[in-house]
Amino acid sequence: MEVQYLIYGLVGIIVLFFVLKLLKWPIKIIINGVIGVVILYIANFIIANLSLVGINTSFSLAINPITALIAGFFGVPGVIVLIIIGLFL
């Protein structure tokens, strides 16, 4: 009986390993998206407060899944590219 429980335990550990390996990519995308939203929020806050310094701006970045993932994957350079694209479009 004890060998049977050992086999069940090993099979369970192997299955858990493969399930966690499969879920690694979607979880990473979700975490990067959340980080992107935070970066975009901070960028919008900084852009909105430029008018307090005397720079008049009526520009803001849209916070949606696409821009959040771009900001999450590429970080600050991605946000800078989003700002440049937003200024020219």
N, C-alpha and C. Protein backbone atom coordinates (compact mmCIF):
# COMPACT_ATOMS: atom_id res chain seq x y z
N MET A 1 0.81 -1.20 0.00
CA MET A 1 0.00 0.00 0.00
C MET A 1 0.86 1.27 0.00
N GLU A 2 1.98 1.24 0.69
CA GLU A 2 2.79 2.44 0.80
C GLU A 2 3.44 2.83 -0.52
N VAL A 3 3.79 1.85 -1.34
CA VAL A 3 4.38 2.13 -2.64
C VAL A 3 3.35 2.81 -3.54
N GLN A 4 2.10 2.41 -3.40
CA GLN A 4 1.02 3.00 -4.20
C GLN A 4 0.88 4.50 -3.90
N TYR A 5 0.95 4.88 -2.63
CA TYR A 5 0.85 6.29 -2.26
C TYR A 5 2.06 7.08 -2.76
N LEU A 6 3.22 6.45 -2.76
CA LEU A 6 4.42 7.10 -3.28
C LEU A 6 4.28 7.39 -4.77
N ILE A 7 3.74 6.44 -5.51
CA ILE A 7 3.51 6.63 -6.94
C ILE A 7 2.49 7.73 -7.17
N TYR A 8 1.40 7.74 -6.40
CA TYR A 8 0.40 8.81 -6.53
C TYR A 8 1.02 10.18 -6.25
N GLY A 9 1.85 10.25 -5.24
CA GLY A 9 2.51 11.51 -4.91
C GLY A 9 3.42 11.99 -6.02
N LEU A 10 4.21 11.09 -6.58
CA LEU A 10 5.11 11.46 -7.68
C LEU A 10 4.34 11.89 -8.92
N VAL A 11 3.27 11.18 -9.25
CA VAL A 11 2.44 11.56 -10.40
C VAL A 11 1.81 12.93 -10.15
N GLY A 12 1.35 13.18 -8.92
CA GLY A 12 0.76 14.47 -8.58
C GLY A 12 1.75 15.60 -8.71
N ILE A 13 2.98 15.38 -8.28
CA ILE A 13 4.02 16.41 -8.38
C ILE A 13 4.35 16.69 -9.85
N ILE A 14 4.42 15.64 -10.67
CA ILE A 14 4.71 15.82 -12.09
C ILE A 14 3.58 16.59 -12.78
N VAL A 15 2.33 16.23 -12.48
CA VAL A 15 1.18 16.94 -13.07
C VAL A 15 1.18 18.40 -12.63
N LEU A 16 1.43 18.66 -11.36
CA LEU A 16 1.48 20.03 -10.85
C LEU A 16 2.59 20.83 -11.54
N PHE A 17 3.73 20.20 -11.77
CA PHE A 17 4.84 20.87 -12.46
C PHE A 17 4.42 21.30 -13.87
N PHE A 18 3.76 20.40 -14.62
CA PHE A 18 3.36 20.73 -15.98
C PHE A 18 2.25 21.78 -16.01
N VAL A 19 1.33 21.73 -15.08
CA VAL A 19 0.25 22.73 -15.03
C VAL A 19 0.83 24.11 -14.73
N LEU A 20 1.75 24.19 -13.78
CA LEU A 20 2.36 25.48 -13.47
C LEU A 20 3.20 26.00 -14.63
N LYS A 21 3.84 25.10 -15.35
CA LYS A 21 4.63 25.51 -16.52
C LYS A 21 3.72 26.05 -17.62
N LEU A 22 2.54 25.46 -17.79
CA LEU A 22 1.60 25.94 -18.80
C LEU A 22 0.99 27.28 -18.42
N LEU A 23 0.79 27.53 -17.13
CA LEU A 23 0.16 28.77 -16.67
C LEU A 23 1.16 29.91 -16.50
N LYS A 24 2.44 29.63 -16.68
CA LYS A 24 3.46 30.66 -16.47
C LYS A 24 3.30 31.81 -17.46
N TRP A 25 3.07 31.53 -18.73
CA TRP A 25 2.97 32.56 -19.76
C TRP A 25 1.75 33.46 -19.57
N PRO A 26 0.53 32.91 -19.38
CA PRO A 26 -0.62 33.82 -19.16
C PRO A 26 -0.49 34.67 -17.90
N ILE A 27 0.07 34.10 -16.85
CA ILE A 27 0.24 34.87 -15.61
C ILE A 27 1.24 36.01 -15.84
N LYS A 28 2.29 35.74 -16.61
CA LYS A 28 3.27 36.78 -16.90
C LYS A 28 2.64 37.91 -17.71
N ILE A 29 1.77 37.59 -18.66
CA ILE A 29 1.09 38.62 -19.45
C ILE A 29 0.19 39.47 -18.55
N ILE A 30 -0.52 38.85 -17.63
CA ILE A 30 -1.40 39.59 -16.72
C ILE A 30 -0.58 40.52 -15.83
N ILE A 31 0.51 40.03 -15.29
CA ILE A 31 1.36 40.86 -14.43
C ILE A 31 1.94 42.03 -15.21
N ASN A 32 2.41 41.77 -16.44
CA ASN A 32 2.94 42.86 -17.27
C ASN A 32 1.86 43.88 -17.61
N GLY A 33 0.64 43.43 -17.83
CA GLY A 33 -0.46 44.35 -18.10
C GLY A 33 -0.76 45.25 -16.92
N VAL A 34 -0.74 44.68 -15.72
CA VAL A 34 -0.98 45.48 -14.51
C VAL A 34 0.14 46.50 -14.32
N ILE A 35 1.37 46.08 -14.54
CA ILE A 35 2.49 47.01 -14.44
C ILE A 35 2.35 48.12 -15.48
N GLY A 36 1.90 47.76 -16.68
CA GLY A 36 1.68 48.75 -17.73
C GLY A 36 0.63 49.77 -17.36
N VAL A 37 -0.45 49.32 -16.72
CA VAL A 37 -1.51 50.25 -16.28
C VAL A 37 -0.94 51.23 -15.26
N VAL A 38 -0.13 50.73 -14.35
CA VAL A 38 0.46 51.61 -13.33
C VAL A 38 1.38 52.64 -13.99
N ILE A 39 2.20 52.20 -14.94
CA ILE A 39 3.10 53.13 -15.63
C ILE A 39 2.31 54.17 -16.42
N LEU A 40 1.24 53.75 -17.10
CA LEU A 40 0.42 54.69 -17.85
C LEU A 40 -0.28 55.69 -16.93
N TYR A 41 -0.73 55.21 -15.78
CA TYR A 41 -1.38 56.11 -14.81
C TYR A 41 -0.39 57.16 -14.32
N ILE A 42 0.82 56.72 -14.01
CA ILE A 42 1.85 57.67 -13.55
C ILE A 42 2.19 58.66 -14.66
N ALA A 43 2.30 58.18 -15.90
CA ALA A 43 2.59 59.08 -17.03
C ALA A 43 1.47 60.09 -17.21
N ASN A 44 0.21 59.65 -17.11
CA ASN A 44 -0.92 60.59 -17.22
C ASN A 44 -0.90 61.61 -16.08
N PHE A 45 -0.53 61.17 -14.89
CA PHE A 45 -0.46 62.07 -13.75
C PHE A 45 0.62 63.14 -13.97
N ILE A 46 1.77 62.72 -14.48
CA ILE A 46 2.85 63.67 -14.74
C ILE A 46 2.46 64.64 -15.85
N ILE A 47 1.85 64.12 -16.92
CA ILE A 47 1.43 64.99 -18.03
C ILE A 47 0.37 65.98 -17.57
N ALA A 48 -0.56 65.54 -16.73
CA ALA A 48 -1.61 66.43 -16.25
C ALA A 48 -1.05 67.52 -15.34
N ASN A 49 0.00 67.21 -14.60
CA ASN A 49 0.57 68.20 -13.68
C ASN A 49 1.59 69.11 -14.34
N LEU A 50 1.86 68.93 -15.63
CA LEU A 50 2.75 69.86 -16.33
C LEU A 50 2.13 71.24 -16.43
N SER A 51 0.79 71.31 -16.41
CA SER A 51 0.14 72.62 -16.49
C SER A 51 0.38 73.43 -15.22
N LEU A 52 0.70 72.78 -14.11
CA LEU A 52 1.02 73.51 -12.89
C LEU A 52 2.36 74.24 -13.02
N VAL A 53 3.24 73.73 -13.87
CA VAL A 53 4.55 74.33 -14.07
C VAL A 53 4.49 75.44 -15.10
N GLY A 54 3.44 75.46 -15.90
CA GLY A 54 3.30 76.49 -16.91
C GLY A 54 3.24 75.94 -18.32
N ILE A 55 3.38 74.63 -18.46
CA ILE A 55 3.30 74.01 -19.78
C ILE A 55 1.86 73.58 -19.99
N ASN A 56 1.21 74.16 -20.99
CA ASN A 56 -0.20 73.87 -21.24
C ASN A 56 -0.32 72.62 -22.11
N THR A 57 -0.89 71.56 -21.56
CA THR A 57 -1.08 70.33 -22.32
C THR A 57 -2.53 69.89 -22.21
N SER A 58 -3.06 69.42 -23.30
CA SER A 58 -4.39 68.82 -23.28
C SER A 58 -4.28 67.39 -23.78
N PHE A 59 -3.19 66.74 -23.45
CA PHE A 59 -2.89 65.40 -23.94
C PHE A 59 -2.96 64.41 -22.79
N SER A 60 -3.50 63.24 -23.06
CA SER A 60 -3.48 62.15 -22.08
C SER A 60 -3.40 60.83 -22.83
N LEU A 61 -2.84 59.85 -22.17
CA LEU A 61 -2.73 58.51 -22.75
C LEU A 61 -3.96 57.70 -22.40
N ALA A 62 -4.47 56.98 -23.36
CA ALA A 62 -5.61 56.09 -23.10
C ALA A 62 -5.10 54.86 -22.35
N ILE A 63 -5.84 54.46 -21.34
CA ILE A 63 -5.49 53.25 -20.61
C ILE A 63 -6.47 52.17 -21.04
N ASN A 64 -6.00 51.30 -21.93
CA ASN A 64 -6.79 50.18 -22.41
C ASN A 64 -5.88 48.95 -22.47
N PRO A 65 -6.42 47.78 -22.76
CA PRO A 65 -5.57 46.58 -22.73
C PRO A 65 -4.36 46.63 -23.68
N ILE A 66 -4.53 47.22 -24.85
CA ILE A 66 -3.42 47.27 -25.81
C ILE A 66 -2.29 48.15 -25.28
N THR A 67 -2.62 49.37 -24.85
CA THR A 67 -1.58 50.27 -24.36
C THR A 67 -0.97 49.75 -23.06
N ALA A 68 -1.77 49.09 -22.23
CA ALA A 68 -1.25 48.53 -20.98
C ALA A 68 -0.25 47.42 -21.27
N LEU A 69 -0.55 46.56 -22.23
CA LEU A 69 0.39 45.48 -22.57
C LEU A 69 1.65 46.03 -23.24
N ILE A 70 1.50 47.05 -24.07
CA ILE A 70 2.69 47.67 -24.68
C ILE A 70 3.57 48.27 -23.59
N ALA A 71 2.97 48.99 -22.67
CA ALA A 71 3.74 49.58 -21.58
C ALA A 71 4.31 48.51 -20.66
N GLY A 72 3.58 47.42 -20.46
CA GLY A 72 4.07 46.34 -19.62
C GLY A 72 5.23 45.59 -20.23
N PHE A 73 5.15 45.32 -21.53
CA PHE A 73 6.22 44.58 -22.19
C PHE A 73 7.47 45.43 -22.38
N PHE A 74 7.30 46.68 -22.79
CA PHE A 74 8.45 47.51 -23.16
C PHE A 74 8.86 48.50 -22.08
N GLY A 75 8.05 48.66 -21.03
CA GLY A 75 8.40 49.54 -19.93
C GLY A 75 8.35 51.01 -20.30
N VAL A 76 9.28 51.77 -19.75
CA VAL A 76 9.30 53.22 -19.97
C VAL A 76 9.53 53.58 -21.44
N PRO A 77 10.41 52.89 -22.18
CA PRO A 77 10.52 53.22 -23.61
C PRO A 77 9.21 53.00 -24.37
N GLY A 78 8.44 51.99 -23.98
CA GLY A 78 7.14 51.77 -24.61
C GLY A 78 6.18 52.91 -24.34
N VAL A 79 6.20 53.44 -23.11
CA VAL A 79 5.34 54.58 -22.78
C VAL A 79 5.78 55.81 -23.56
N ILE A 80 7.08 56.01 -23.71
CA ILE A 80 7.57 57.15 -24.49
C ILE A 80 7.11 57.04 -25.94
N VAL A 81 7.18 55.84 -26.50
CA VAL A 81 6.71 55.64 -27.87
C VAL A 81 5.21 55.90 -27.96
N LEU A 82 4.44 55.46 -26.97
CA LEU A 82 3.00 55.72 -26.96
C LEU A 82 2.72 57.22 -26.90
N ILE A 83 3.50 57.95 -26.12
CA ILE A 83 3.33 59.41 -26.03
C ILE A 83 3.64 60.06 -27.37
N ILE A 84 4.73 59.64 -28.01
CA ILE A 84 5.10 60.21 -29.31
C ILE A 84 4.04 59.90 -30.35
N ILE A 85 3.56 58.67 -30.38
CA ILE A 85 2.50 58.30 -31.33
C ILE A 85 1.24 59.11 -31.06
N GLY A 86 0.90 59.28 -29.78
CA GLY A 86 -0.29 60.05 -29.43
C GLY A 86 -0.18 61.52 -29.81
N LEU A 87 1.02 62.07 -29.73
CA LEU A 87 1.20 63.47 -30.10
C LEU A 87 1.08 63.69 -31.60
N PHE A 88 1.50 62.71 -32.38
CA PHE A 88 1.46 62.87 -33.83
C PHE A 88 0.14 62.44 -34.45
N LEU A 89 -0.67 61.68 -33.76
CA LEU A 89 -1.94 61.24 -34.34
C LEU A 89 -3.07 62.13 -33.94
